[in-house]
Amino acid sequence: MHFEVEHEFAASRADVADLLCDASFQQQLDLPDLSRPEVVERVVDGPTWRLRLRYEYVGQLDPIARRMLGGRQLTWIQELCLDTSSCTGTLSFSAEEDPDRLHGTAAVAITALDGGARSRRRIAGDLHVRVPVIGGTAERRIVPGLTRRLDVEAAAVAEELARRSS
């Protein structure tokens, strides 16, 4: 299922990219229905930055999802890979156990606004639940939570950027 979000920030695209790839910032974020993330990997290779995080879903699951998990915790790996010179990259995520069943990927672009004083982050991608019969229903239930968490993250990014500039 396709999803798209856009968020504007009162900071340069470089500042936004730096903060999005800041493991310490990500570790202190409280996102709805998720544990705080564990940093799996942070790699800086020239202008390419990669941040891999492990999340655990701690919210309420519907009975079908609980049955599918068979008592296991729902954890997944999220990876943000950004080219800091172009401020473009990808956001990907997959269930830690059985990633073929739940995964997604999105293009990320941070563009300059107002001569570079402001910026806009756009994330557009697709979420896939590969479970016969219920996959489409699961996607329609998951995507609103996914986009809501991106909105919450964006609000925290905006707040932190404002704090750092004051």
N, C-alpha and C. Protein backbone atom coordinates (compact mmCIF):
# COMPACT_ATOMS: atom_id res chain seq x y z
N MET A 1 0.85 -1.17 0.00
CA MET A 1 0.00 0.00 0.00
C MET A 1 0.90 1.23 0.00
N HIS A 2 0.56 2.18 -0.83
CA HIS A 2 1.35 3.40 -0.98
C HIS A 2 1.09 4.38 0.17
N PHE A 3 2.13 5.10 0.57
CA PHE A 3 1.98 6.17 1.55
C PHE A 3 2.91 7.32 1.19
N GLU A 4 2.51 8.51 1.60
CA GLU A 4 3.32 9.72 1.38
C GLU A 4 3.10 10.67 2.53
N VAL A 5 4.18 11.32 2.97
CA VAL A 5 4.08 12.38 3.97
C VAL A 5 5.06 13.49 3.58
N GLU A 6 4.71 14.70 3.96
CA GLU A 6 5.60 15.85 3.79
C GLU A 6 5.60 16.65 5.08
N HIS A 7 6.79 17.15 5.42
CA HIS A 7 6.94 17.96 6.63
C HIS A 7 7.89 19.12 6.32
N GLU A 8 7.54 20.29 6.80
CA GLU A 8 8.41 21.46 6.61
C GLU A 8 9.10 21.80 7.93
N PHE A 9 10.33 22.29 7.79
CA PHE A 9 11.16 22.62 8.94
C PHE A 9 11.78 23.99 8.76
N ALA A 10 11.92 24.71 9.86
CA ALA A 10 12.55 26.04 9.85
C ALA A 10 14.06 25.88 10.04
N ALA A 11 14.66 25.11 9.14
CA ALA A 11 16.10 24.86 9.20
C ALA A 11 16.56 24.40 7.81
N SER A 12 17.86 24.46 7.61
CA SER A 12 18.42 24.04 6.33
C SER A 12 18.25 22.53 6.16
N ARG A 13 18.33 22.10 4.92
CA ARG A 13 18.21 20.67 4.67
C ARG A 13 19.37 19.90 5.27
N ALA A 14 20.55 20.50 5.33
CA ALA A 14 21.70 19.83 5.97
C ALA A 14 21.44 19.62 7.46
N ASP A 15 20.88 20.62 8.12
CA ASP A 15 20.57 20.48 9.55
C ASP A 15 19.52 19.40 9.79
N VAL A 16 18.52 19.34 8.92
CA VAL A 16 17.48 18.31 9.04
C VAL A 16 18.09 16.93 8.83
N ALA A 17 18.90 16.77 7.80
CA ALA A 17 19.54 15.48 7.53
C ALA A 17 20.42 15.06 8.70
N ASP A 18 21.20 15.99 9.24
CA ASP A 18 22.06 15.67 10.38
C ASP A 18 21.24 15.15 11.56
N LEU A 19 20.14 15.80 11.84
CA LEU A 19 19.33 15.39 12.98
C LEU A 19 18.63 14.05 12.74
N LEU A 20 18.12 13.84 11.54
CA LEU A 20 17.46 12.57 11.24
C LEU A 20 18.42 11.38 11.36
N CYS A 21 19.69 11.61 11.10
CA CYS A 21 20.70 10.54 11.19
C CYS A 21 21.41 10.51 12.53
N ASP A 22 20.98 11.33 13.47
CA ASP A 22 21.59 11.40 14.80
C ASP A 22 21.03 10.28 15.67
N ALA A 23 21.85 9.28 15.96
CA ALA A 23 21.40 8.13 16.74
C ALA A 23 20.93 8.54 18.13
N SER A 24 21.60 9.49 18.76
CA SER A 24 21.20 9.92 20.11
C SER A 24 19.82 10.56 20.09
N PHE A 25 19.56 11.37 19.08
CA PHE A 25 18.24 11.98 18.95
C PHE A 25 17.17 10.91 18.76
N GLN A 26 17.41 9.98 17.85
CA GLN A 26 16.43 8.93 17.57
C GLN A 26 16.16 8.07 18.80
N GLN A 27 17.19 7.80 19.60
CA GLN A 27 17.03 6.95 20.78
C GLN A 27 16.16 7.58 21.86
N GLN A 28 16.04 8.90 21.88
CA GLN A 28 15.22 9.54 22.91
C GLN A 28 13.81 9.86 22.44
N LEU A 29 13.49 9.53 21.19
CA LEU A 29 12.15 9.80 20.66
C LEU A 29 11.11 8.83 21.21
N ASP A 30 10.00 9.37 21.65
CA ASP A 30 8.87 8.55 22.06
C ASP A 30 7.84 8.57 20.94
N LEU A 31 7.73 7.46 20.24
CA LEU A 31 6.78 7.33 19.14
C LEU A 31 5.61 6.46 19.57
N PRO A 32 4.40 6.78 19.11
CA PRO A 32 3.22 6.03 19.52
C PRO A 32 3.35 4.53 19.26
N ASP A 33 3.05 3.74 20.27
CA ASP A 33 2.99 2.27 20.19
C ASP A 33 4.33 1.58 19.98
N LEU A 34 5.43 2.31 20.11
CA LEU A 34 6.75 1.72 19.90
C LEU A 34 7.63 1.89 21.13
N SER A 35 8.53 0.93 21.31
CA SER A 35 9.59 1.10 22.29
C SER A 35 10.56 2.14 21.73
N ARG A 36 11.39 2.68 22.60
CA ARG A 36 12.48 3.50 22.07
C ARG A 36 13.41 2.57 21.31
N PRO A 37 14.00 3.07 20.23
CA PRO A 37 14.79 2.16 19.38
C PRO A 37 16.15 1.81 19.96
N GLU A 38 16.62 0.66 19.53
CA GLU A 38 17.99 0.25 19.79
C GLU A 38 18.77 0.53 18.51
N VAL A 39 19.93 1.15 18.63
CA VAL A 39 20.75 1.41 17.46
C VAL A 39 21.46 0.10 17.09
N VAL A 40 21.19 -0.38 15.89
CA VAL A 40 21.81 -1.59 15.38
C VAL A 40 23.12 -1.24 14.70
N GLU A 41 23.10 -0.13 13.95
CA GLU A 41 24.29 0.25 13.20
C GLU A 41 24.17 1.71 12.79
N ARG A 42 25.29 2.40 12.86
CA ARG A 42 25.39 3.76 12.31
C ARG A 42 26.69 3.82 11.54
N VAL A 43 26.58 4.11 10.25
CA VAL A 43 27.75 4.13 9.38
C VAL A 43 27.78 5.46 8.65
N VAL A 44 28.93 6.09 8.66
CA VAL A 44 29.16 7.29 7.86
C VAL A 44 30.27 6.94 6.88
N ASP A 45 29.93 6.98 5.60
CA ASP A 45 30.88 6.67 4.54
C ASP A 45 30.87 7.85 3.57
N GLY A 46 31.71 8.82 3.86
CA GLY A 46 31.71 10.06 3.07
C GLY A 46 30.37 10.74 3.24
N PRO A 47 29.72 11.09 2.13
CA PRO A 47 28.43 11.78 2.25
C PRO A 47 27.25 10.83 2.53
N THR A 48 27.50 9.52 2.52
CA THR A 48 26.42 8.56 2.75
C THR A 48 26.36 8.17 4.22
N TRP A 49 25.21 8.44 4.82
CA TRP A 49 24.99 8.10 6.23
C TRP A 49 23.90 7.05 6.29
N ARG A 50 24.13 6.02 7.11
CA ARG A 50 23.14 4.96 7.29
C ARG A 50 22.91 4.75 8.78
N LEU A 51 21.64 4.75 9.16
CA LEU A 51 21.26 4.52 10.55
C LEU A 51 20.23 3.40 10.58
N ARG A 52 20.59 2.29 11.23
CA ARG A 52 19.69 1.14 11.38
C ARG A 52 19.23 1.07 12.83
N LEU A 53 17.91 1.01 13.01
CA LEU A 53 17.30 0.97 14.33
C LEU A 53 16.41 -0.25 14.47
N ARG A 54 16.32 -0.79 15.68
CA ARG A 54 15.41 -1.91 15.97
C ARG A 54 14.32 -1.38 16.90
N TYR A 55 13.08 -1.56 16.48
CA TYR A 55 11.91 -1.16 17.26
C TYR A 55 11.12 -2.39 17.68
N GLU A 56 10.42 -2.25 18.80
CA GLU A 56 9.46 -3.27 19.22
C GLU A 56 8.09 -2.60 19.30
N TYR A 57 7.10 -3.24 18.73
CA TYR A 57 5.74 -2.73 18.80
C TYR A 57 5.19 -3.06 20.18
N VAL A 58 4.74 -2.05 20.92
CA VAL A 58 4.23 -2.25 22.28
C VAL A 58 2.76 -1.87 22.41
N GLY A 59 2.12 -1.50 21.29
CA GLY A 59 0.71 -1.14 21.30
C GLY A 59 -0.17 -2.38 21.23
N GLN A 60 -1.46 -2.13 21.10
CA GLN A 60 -2.44 -3.21 21.00
C GLN A 60 -2.46 -3.80 19.59
N LEU A 61 -2.41 -5.10 19.51
CA LEU A 61 -2.51 -5.80 18.23
C LEU A 61 -3.88 -6.43 18.12
N ASP A 62 -4.42 -6.44 16.91
CA ASP A 62 -5.72 -7.11 16.76
C ASP A 62 -5.50 -8.62 16.83
N PRO A 63 -6.57 -9.39 17.09
CA PRO A 63 -6.44 -10.84 17.29
C PRO A 63 -5.78 -11.59 16.14
N ILE A 64 -6.03 -11.15 14.92
CA ILE A 64 -5.42 -11.83 13.76
C ILE A 64 -3.90 -11.66 13.81
N ALA A 65 -3.44 -10.45 14.08
CA ALA A 65 -2.00 -10.20 14.15
C ALA A 65 -1.37 -11.00 15.30
N ARG A 66 -2.05 -11.05 16.44
CA ARG A 66 -1.52 -11.82 17.56
C ARG A 66 -1.39 -13.30 17.19
N ARG A 67 -2.39 -13.83 16.49
CA ARG A 67 -2.34 -15.22 16.05
C ARG A 67 -1.17 -15.46 15.09
N MET A 68 -0.98 -14.52 14.17
CA MET A 68 0.12 -14.66 13.20
C MET A 68 1.47 -14.67 13.90
N LEU A 69 1.61 -13.86 14.95
CA LEU A 69 2.88 -13.78 15.67
C LEU A 69 3.11 -15.00 16.57
N GLY A 70 2.04 -15.66 16.95
CA GLY A 70 2.18 -16.85 17.78
C GLY A 70 2.85 -16.59 19.11
N GLY A 71 2.54 -15.45 19.73
CA GLY A 71 3.12 -15.13 21.03
C GLY A 71 4.46 -14.42 20.97
N ARG A 72 5.06 -14.31 19.80
CA ARG A 72 6.34 -13.59 19.67
C ARG A 72 6.11 -12.09 19.68
N GLN A 73 7.14 -11.37 20.04
CA GLN A 73 7.09 -9.92 19.97
C GLN A 73 7.24 -9.48 18.52
N LEU A 74 6.59 -8.38 18.16
CA LEU A 74 6.74 -7.82 16.82
C LEU A 74 7.87 -6.80 16.87
N THR A 75 8.98 -7.14 16.24
CA THR A 75 10.13 -6.24 16.15
C THR A 75 10.48 -6.08 14.68
N TRP A 76 11.04 -4.93 14.37
CA TRP A 76 11.47 -4.72 12.99
C TRP A 76 12.69 -3.81 12.96
N ILE A 77 13.36 -3.87 11.85
CA ILE A 77 14.54 -3.06 11.59
C ILE A 77 14.14 -1.96 10.62
N GLN A 78 14.49 -0.74 10.99
CA GLN A 78 14.25 0.42 10.13
C GLN A 78 15.62 0.99 9.76
N GLU A 79 15.80 1.28 8.48
CA GLU A 79 17.07 1.81 8.03
C GLU A 79 16.84 3.09 7.24
N LEU A 80 17.52 4.14 7.66
CA LEU A 80 17.54 5.40 6.92
C LEU A 80 18.91 5.53 6.30
N CYS A 81 18.94 5.66 4.99
CA CYS A 81 20.19 5.84 4.26
C CYS A 81 20.08 7.15 3.50
N LEU A 82 20.93 8.12 3.84
CA LEU A 82 20.87 9.45 3.22
C LEU A 82 22.20 9.83 2.60
N ASP A 83 22.15 10.38 1.42
CA ASP A 83 23.30 11.02 0.81
C ASP A 83 23.22 12.47 1.27
N THR A 84 24.11 12.87 2.14
CA THR A 84 24.01 14.21 2.72
C THR A 84 24.40 15.32 1.74
N SER A 85 25.01 14.96 0.61
CA SER A 85 25.32 15.99 -0.37
C SER A 85 24.08 16.36 -1.19
N SER A 86 23.23 15.39 -1.48
CA SER A 86 22.00 15.67 -2.23
C SER A 86 20.76 15.69 -1.34
N CYS A 87 20.91 15.22 -0.09
CA CYS A 87 19.80 15.11 0.87
C CYS A 87 18.67 14.24 0.30
N THR A 88 19.07 13.16 -0.34
CA THR A 88 18.11 12.16 -0.82
C THR A 88 18.55 10.79 -0.34
N GLY A 89 17.59 9.89 -0.28
CA GLY A 89 17.94 8.54 0.14
C GLY A 89 16.73 7.66 0.25
N THR A 90 16.83 6.68 1.13
CA THR A 90 15.75 5.72 1.30
C THR A 90 15.48 5.47 2.78
N LEU A 91 14.25 5.12 3.04
CA LEU A 91 13.82 4.64 4.35
C LEU A 91 13.25 3.25 4.10
N SER A 92 13.80 2.26 4.77
CA SER A 92 13.27 0.91 4.60
C SER A 92 13.00 0.31 5.96
N PHE A 93 12.12 -0.66 5.99
CA PHE A 93 11.78 -1.33 7.24
C PHE A 93 11.29 -2.73 6.91
N SER A 94 11.56 -3.64 7.84
CA SER A 94 11.09 -5.01 7.65
C SER A 94 11.01 -5.69 9.01
N ALA A 95 10.06 -6.61 9.11
CA ALA A 95 9.93 -7.39 10.33
C ALA A 95 11.25 -8.12 10.56
N GLU A 96 11.68 -8.13 11.80
CA GLU A 96 12.96 -8.78 12.09
C GLU A 96 12.85 -10.30 11.86
N GLU A 97 11.74 -10.86 12.25
CA GLU A 97 11.50 -12.28 12.00
C GLU A 97 10.56 -12.37 10.80
N ASP A 98 10.98 -13.03 9.78
CA ASP A 98 10.19 -13.20 8.55
C ASP A 98 9.99 -11.88 7.80
N PRO A 99 11.08 -11.23 7.39
CA PRO A 99 10.98 -9.94 6.71
C PRO A 99 10.24 -9.98 5.38
N ASP A 100 10.10 -11.15 4.78
CA ASP A 100 9.36 -11.24 3.52
C ASP A 100 7.86 -10.99 3.72
N ARG A 101 7.38 -11.17 4.93
CA ARG A 101 5.94 -11.00 5.19
C ARG A 101 5.56 -9.55 5.46
N LEU A 102 6.46 -8.78 6.07
CA LEU A 102 6.17 -7.38 6.39
C LEU A 102 7.40 -6.55 6.08
N HIS A 103 7.27 -5.69 5.09
CA HIS A 103 8.41 -4.85 4.70
C HIS A 103 7.92 -3.66 3.89
N GLY A 104 8.80 -2.71 3.76
CA GLY A 104 8.48 -1.55 2.95
C GLY A 104 9.72 -0.74 2.65
N THR A 105 9.58 0.13 1.68
CA THR A 105 10.67 1.03 1.33
C THR A 105 10.08 2.32 0.80
N ALA A 106 10.80 3.40 1.02
CA ALA A 106 10.33 4.71 0.59
C ALA A 106 11.51 5.57 0.16
N ALA A 107 11.24 6.46 -0.77
CA ALA A 107 12.22 7.46 -1.17
C ALA A 107 12.11 8.64 -0.20
N VAL A 108 13.24 9.18 0.18
CA VAL A 108 13.30 10.34 1.08
C VAL A 108 14.01 11.45 0.33
N ALA A 109 13.42 12.64 0.36
CA ALA A 109 14.06 13.80 -0.25
C ALA A 109 13.84 15.00 0.66
N ILE A 110 14.93 15.70 0.94
CA ILE A 110 14.85 16.93 1.73
C ILE A 110 15.24 18.06 0.78
N THR A 111 14.31 18.95 0.51
CA THR A 111 14.55 20.03 -0.45
C THR A 111 14.61 21.37 0.27
N ALA A 112 15.37 22.26 -0.31
CA ALA A 112 15.53 23.60 0.26
C ALA A 112 14.33 24.47 -0.11
N LEU A 113 13.91 25.28 0.84
CA LEU A 113 12.85 26.27 0.63
C LEU A 113 13.39 27.63 1.07
N ASP A 114 12.80 28.70 0.57
CA ASP A 114 13.15 30.05 1.00
C ASP A 114 14.65 30.31 0.96
N GLY A 115 15.28 29.94 -0.15
CA GLY A 115 16.71 30.18 -0.30
C GLY A 115 17.58 29.33 0.62
N GLY A 116 17.01 28.27 1.16
CA GLY A 116 17.79 27.36 2.00
C GLY A 116 17.56 27.53 3.49
N ALA A 117 16.84 28.57 3.90
CA ALA A 117 16.60 28.80 5.33
C ALA A 117 15.59 27.80 5.90
N ARG A 118 14.75 27.26 5.04
CA ARG A 118 13.74 26.27 5.44
C ARG A 118 13.90 25.05 4.55
N SER A 119 13.25 23.97 4.94
CA SER A 119 13.34 22.77 4.12
C SER A 119 12.06 21.95 4.25
N ARG A 120 11.90 21.06 3.28
CA ARG A 120 10.75 20.16 3.25
C ARG A 120 11.26 18.73 3.09
N ARG A 121 10.79 17.84 3.97
CA ARG A 121 11.10 16.42 3.83
C ARG A 121 9.88 15.73 3.22
N ARG A 122 10.13 14.96 2.18
CA ARG A 122 9.06 14.18 1.56
C ARG A 122 9.47 12.72 1.60
N ILE A 123 8.56 11.89 2.09
CA ILE A 123 8.77 10.45 2.14
C ILE A 123 7.61 9.82 1.37
N ALA A 124 7.93 9.02 0.37
CA ALA A 124 6.90 8.35 -0.44
C ALA A 124 7.36 6.93 -0.70
N GLY A 125 6.49 5.98 -0.37
CA GLY A 125 6.87 4.59 -0.57
C GLY A 125 5.70 3.64 -0.45
N ASP A 126 6.03 2.39 -0.26
CA ASP A 126 5.03 1.34 -0.20
C ASP A 126 5.31 0.39 0.95
N LEU A 127 4.24 -0.02 1.61
CA LEU A 127 4.27 -1.02 2.67
C LEU A 127 3.64 -2.29 2.11
N HIS A 128 4.25 -3.44 2.41
CA HIS A 128 3.74 -4.72 1.92
C HIS A 128 3.57 -5.69 3.08
N VAL A 129 2.40 -6.28 3.15
CA VAL A 129 2.14 -7.39 4.07
C VAL A 129 1.81 -8.59 3.19
N ARG A 130 2.71 -9.54 3.16
CA ARG A 130 2.57 -10.71 2.28
C ARG A 130 1.99 -11.89 3.07
N VAL A 131 0.71 -11.77 3.36
CA VAL A 131 -0.01 -12.84 4.05
C VAL A 131 -1.29 -13.06 3.25
N PRO A 132 -1.50 -14.28 2.74
CA PRO A 132 -2.70 -14.53 1.94
C PRO A 132 -3.99 -14.13 2.66
N VAL A 133 -4.90 -13.63 1.93
CA VAL A 133 -6.25 -13.23 2.34
C VAL A 133 -6.27 -11.94 3.16
N ILE A 134 -5.41 -11.80 4.16
CA ILE A 134 -5.51 -10.63 5.06
C ILE A 134 -4.46 -9.56 4.81
N GLY A 135 -3.55 -9.77 3.86
CA GLY A 135 -2.46 -8.82 3.62
C GLY A 135 -2.94 -7.41 3.35
N GLY A 136 -3.91 -7.26 2.44
CA GLY A 136 -4.41 -5.93 2.09
C GLY A 136 -5.07 -5.23 3.27
N THR A 137 -5.84 -5.97 4.05
CA THR A 137 -6.49 -5.40 5.23
C THR A 137 -5.43 -4.96 6.24
N ALA A 138 -4.41 -5.79 6.44
CA ALA A 138 -3.34 -5.44 7.37
C ALA A 138 -2.62 -4.17 6.91
N GLU A 139 -2.34 -4.05 5.63
CA GLU A 139 -1.68 -2.85 5.11
C GLU A 139 -2.52 -1.61 5.40
N ARG A 140 -3.83 -1.69 5.15
CA ARG A 140 -4.71 -0.54 5.40
C ARG A 140 -4.76 -0.17 6.88
N ARG A 141 -4.54 -1.12 7.76
CA ARG A 141 -4.53 -0.83 9.20
C ARG A 141 -3.18 -0.31 9.67
N ILE A 142 -2.11 -0.72 9.05
CA ILE A 142 -0.77 -0.35 9.48
C ILE A 142 -0.36 1.03 8.98
N VAL A 143 -0.68 1.35 7.73
CA VAL A 143 -0.20 2.60 7.12
C VAL A 143 -0.59 3.85 7.92
N PRO A 144 -1.81 3.99 8.43
CA PRO A 144 -2.12 5.19 9.22
C PRO A 144 -1.22 5.34 10.46
N GLY A 145 -0.90 4.24 11.12
CA GLY A 145 0.01 4.30 12.26
C GLY A 145 1.42 4.69 11.84
N LEU A 146 1.85 4.17 10.71
CA LEU A 146 3.17 4.50 10.17
C LEU A 146 3.27 5.99 9.87
N THR A 147 2.29 6.53 9.18
CA THR A 147 2.34 7.95 8.83
C THR A 147 2.19 8.83 10.08
N ARG A 148 1.40 8.37 11.05
CA ARG A 148 1.26 9.13 12.30
C ARG A 148 2.59 9.20 13.04
N ARG A 149 3.33 8.08 13.07
CA ARG A 149 4.65 8.09 13.73
C ARG A 149 5.62 9.01 12.99
N LEU A 150 5.56 9.04 11.66
CA LEU A 150 6.41 9.99 10.92
C LEU A 150 6.03 11.43 11.23
N ASP A 151 4.74 11.69 11.43
CA ASP A 151 4.30 13.04 11.83
C ASP A 151 4.82 13.40 13.22
N VAL A 152 4.78 12.45 14.15
CA VAL A 152 5.28 12.69 15.51
C VAL A 152 6.78 12.91 15.48
N GLU A 153 7.48 12.11 14.67
CA GLU A 153 8.92 12.30 14.53
C GLU A 153 9.21 13.70 13.98
N ALA A 154 8.47 14.13 12.96
CA ALA A 154 8.68 15.45 12.36
C ALA A 154 8.46 16.56 13.38
N ALA A 155 7.44 16.43 14.22
CA ALA A 155 7.20 17.45 15.26
C ALA A 155 8.38 17.51 16.22
N ALA A 156 8.92 16.35 16.59
CA ALA A 156 10.09 16.32 17.48
C ALA A 156 11.32 16.90 16.80
N VAL A 157 11.47 16.64 15.51
CA VAL A 157 12.59 17.20 14.75
C VAL A 157 12.48 18.72 14.73
N ALA A 158 11.30 19.23 14.44
CA ALA A 158 11.08 20.69 14.40
C ALA A 158 11.38 21.32 15.76
N GLU A 159 10.93 20.66 16.82
CA GLU A 159 11.17 21.19 18.18
C GLU A 159 12.66 21.20 18.51
N GLU A 160 13.35 20.12 18.16
CA GLU A 160 14.78 20.05 18.45
C GLU A 160 15.57 21.04 17.61
N LEU A 161 15.20 21.21 16.36
CA LEU A 161 15.88 22.21 15.51
C LEU A 161 15.69 23.62 16.07
N ALA A 162 14.48 23.91 16.53
CA ALA A 162 14.22 25.22 17.14
C ALA A 162 15.03 25.40 18.41
N ARG A 163 15.14 24.37 19.23
CA ARG A 163 15.92 24.44 20.45
C ARG A 163 17.40 24.68 20.14
N ARG A 164 17.92 24.00 19.13
CA ARG A 164 19.33 24.14 18.77
C ARG A 164 19.65 25.51 18.17
N SER A 165 18.66 26.14 17.54
CA SER A 165 18.92 27.45 16.91
C SER A 165 18.74 28.61 17.87
N SER A 166 18.19 28.34 19.04
CA SER A 166 17.96 29.47 19.98
C SER A 166 19.12 29.68 20.92
